Amino acid sequence: MNQLKISAVIALLLLALAQAAVAEPQKSCPVMGGEINRDLYVDVEGKRIYVCCDYCIGEIKKDPAKYIKKLEDAGQELEAAPAK
């Protein structure tokens, strides 16, 4: 019986980890937290970050790593910036 309980706990932990690892597309502005405008974005460090307004583009350019981390920590997956 203990073997069955241990197996069940392991299965639940693996399921929780798998769900946590699945990122969703970016849906919020990393600067202001509001809804993104897909016409406004900045490409930094090989990633495209969508924002809500022009002001946020300047903020992201000041410290792109901060905003990339913020989005990734929130489970939002960033698109790859197109090759130039």
C-alpha atoms as a PDB file:
ATOM      1  CA  MET A   1       0.000   0.000   0.000  1.00  0.00           C
ATOM      2  CA  ASN A   2       2.844   2.408   0.782  1.00  0.00           C
ATOM      3  CA  GLN A   3       4.312   1.726  -2.661  1.00  0.00           C
ATOM      4  CA  LEU A   4       1.019   2.806  -4.239  1.00  0.00           C
ATOM      5  CA  LYS A   5       0.921   6.039  -2.204  1.00  0.00           C
ATOM      6  CA  ILE A   6       4.502   6.873  -3.131  1.00  0.00           C
ATOM      7  CA  SER A   7       3.782   6.231  -6.800  1.00  0.00           C
ATOM      8  CA  ALA A   8       0.700   8.461  -6.650  1.00  0.00           C
ATOM      9  CA  VAL A   9       2.639  11.304  -5.021  1.00  0.00           C
ATOM     10  CA  ILE A  10       5.413  11.018  -7.596  1.00  0.00           C
ATOM     11  CA  ALA A  11       2.872  11.052 -10.426  1.00  0.00           C
ATOM     12  CA  LEU A  12       1.194  14.176  -9.016  1.00  0.00           C
ATOM     13  CA  LEU A  13       4.533  15.946  -8.627  1.00  0.00           C
ATOM     14  CA  LEU A  14       5.534  15.116 -12.192  1.00  0.00           C
ATOM     15  CA  LEU A  15       2.188  16.360 -13.475  1.00  0.00           C
ATOM     16  CA  ALA A  16       2.561  19.626 -11.552  1.00  0.00           C
ATOM     17  CA  LEU A  17       6.080  20.139 -12.922  1.00  0.00           C
ATOM     18  CA  ALA A  18       4.944  19.427 -16.471  1.00  0.00           C
ATOM     19  CA  GLN A  19       2.122  21.966 -16.211  1.00  0.00           C
ATOM     20  CA  ALA A  20       4.441  24.597 -14.736  1.00  0.00           C
ATOM     21  CA  ALA A  21       6.916  24.113 -17.568  1.00  0.00           C
ATOM     22  CA  VAL A  22       4.335  24.915 -20.248  1.00  0.00           C
ATOM     23  CA  ALA A  23       4.637  28.600 -21.041  1.00  0.00           C
ATOM     24  CA  GLU A  24       1.870  30.583 -22.658  1.00  0.00           C
ATOM     25  CA  PRO A  25       2.283  33.310 -25.280  1.00  0.00           C
ATOM     26  CA  GLN A  26       2.991  36.821 -24.000  1.00  0.00           C
ATOM     27  CA  LYS A  27      -0.229  38.526 -23.011  1.00  0.00           C
ATOM     28  CA  SER A  28       0.777  41.406 -20.741  1.00  0.00           C
ATOM     29  CA  CYS A  29       3.124  44.353 -20.952  1.00  0.00           C
ATOM     30  CA  PRO A  30       6.135  43.708 -18.722  1.00  0.00           C
ATOM     31  CA  VAL A  31       6.444  47.386 -17.794  1.00  0.00           C
ATOM     32  CA  MET A  32       2.888  48.488 -17.015  1.00  0.00           C
ATOM     33  CA  GLY A  33       1.201  45.088 -16.734  1.00  0.00           C
ATOM     34  CA  GLY A  34      -1.651  45.958 -19.079  1.00  0.00           C
ATOM     35  CA  GLU A  35      -2.854  44.387 -22.297  1.00  0.00           C
ATOM     36  CA  ILE A  36      -0.298  44.337 -25.104  1.00  0.00           C
ATOM     37  CA  ASN A  37      -0.644  46.038 -28.470  1.00  0.00           C
ATOM     38  CA  ARG A  38       0.758  43.661 -31.116  1.00  0.00           C
ATOM     39  CA  ASP A  39       1.684  46.665 -33.269  1.00  0.00           C
ATOM     40  CA  LEU A  40       4.105  47.892 -30.567  1.00  0.00           C
ATOM     41  CA  TYR A  41       7.163  45.845 -29.738  1.00  0.00           C
ATOM     42  CA  VAL A  42      10.899  45.921 -29.254  1.00  0.00           C
ATOM     43  CA  ASP A  43      13.343  43.248 -30.410  1.00  0.00           C
ATOM     44  CA  VAL A  44      16.115  42.691 -27.846  1.00  0.00           C
ATOM     45  CA  GLU A  45      18.484  39.838 -27.109  1.00  0.00           C
ATOM     46  CA  GLY A  46      16.927  37.785 -29.911  1.00  0.00           C
ATOM     47  CA  LYS A  47      13.419  38.071 -28.468  1.00  0.00           C
ATOM     48  CA  ARG A  48      10.376  40.132 -29.394  1.00  0.00           C
ATOM     49  CA  ILE A  49       8.690  41.854 -26.467  1.00  0.00           C
ATOM     50  CA  TYR A  50       5.245  43.346 -27.025  1.00  0.00           C
ATOM     51  CA  VAL A  51       4.214  46.394 -25.008  1.00  0.00           C
ATOM     52  CA  CYS A  52       1.161  48.537 -24.369  1.00  0.00           C
ATOM     53  CA  CYS A  53       2.579  51.940 -25.405  1.00  0.00           C
ATOM     54  CA  ASP A  54       5.625  53.744 -26.824  1.00  0.00           C
ATOM     55  CA  TYR A  55       6.850  54.689 -23.336  1.00  0.00           C
ATOM     56  CA  CYS A  56       7.369  51.014 -22.468  1.00  0.00           C
ATOM     57  CA  ILE A  57       9.656  50.457 -25.458  1.00  0.00           C
ATOM     58  CA  GLY A  58      12.152  52.937 -23.998  1.00  0.00           C
ATOM     59  CA  GLU A  59      11.958  51.323 -20.564  1.00  0.00           C
ATOM     60  CA  ILE A  60      12.680  47.871 -21.983  1.00  0.00           C
ATOM     61  CA  LYS A  61      15.657  49.167 -23.959  1.00  0.00           C
ATOM     62  CA  LYS A  62      17.179  50.471 -20.697  1.00  0.00           C
ATOM     63  CA  ASP A  63      17.221  46.996 -19.086  1.00  0.00           C
ATOM     64  CA  PRO A  64      15.991  44.246 -21.430  1.00  0.00           C
ATOM     65  CA  ALA A  65      17.173  41.360 -19.238  1.00  0.00           C
ATOM     66  CA  LYS A  66      14.980  42.594 -16.360  1.00  0.00           C
ATOM     67  CA  TYR A  67      11.826  42.498 -18.491  1.00  0.00           C
ATOM     68  CA  ILE A  68      12.665  39.230 -20.237  1.00  0.00           C
ATOM     69  CA  LYS A  69      13.108  37.604 -16.827  1.00  0.00           C
ATOM     70  CA  LYS A  70       9.893  39.152 -15.524  1.00  0.00           C
ATOM     71  CA  LEU A  71       7.876  37.701 -18.404  1.00  0.00           C
ATOM     72  CA  GLU A  72       9.550  34.292 -18.287  1.00  0.00           C
ATOM     73  CA  ASP A  73       9.071  34.083 -14.500  1.00  0.00           C
ATOM     74  CA  ALA A  74       5.375  34.777 -15.090  1.00  0.00           C
ATOM     75  CA  GLY A  75       5.235  31.810 -17.501  1.00  0.00           C
ATOM     76  CA  GLN A  76       4.920  33.925 -20.624  1.00  0.00           C
ATOM     77  CA  GLU A  77       6.872  32.715 -23.621  1.00  0.00           C
ATOM     78  CA  LEU A  78       8.505  35.336 -25.813  1.00  0.00           C
ATOM     79  CA  GLU A  79       8.592  35.048 -29.582  1.00  0.00           C
ATOM     80  CA  ALA A  80      11.948  34.917 -31.308  1.00  0.00           C
ATOM     81  CA  ALA A  81      12.823  38.178 -33.006  1.00  0.00           C
ATOM     82  CA  PRO A  82      12.910  37.777 -36.791  1.00  0.00           C
ATOM     83  CA  ALA A  83      16.365  37.561 -38.340  1.00  0.00           C
ATOM     84  CA  LYS A  84      17.387  40.830 -39.956  1.00  0.00           C
END
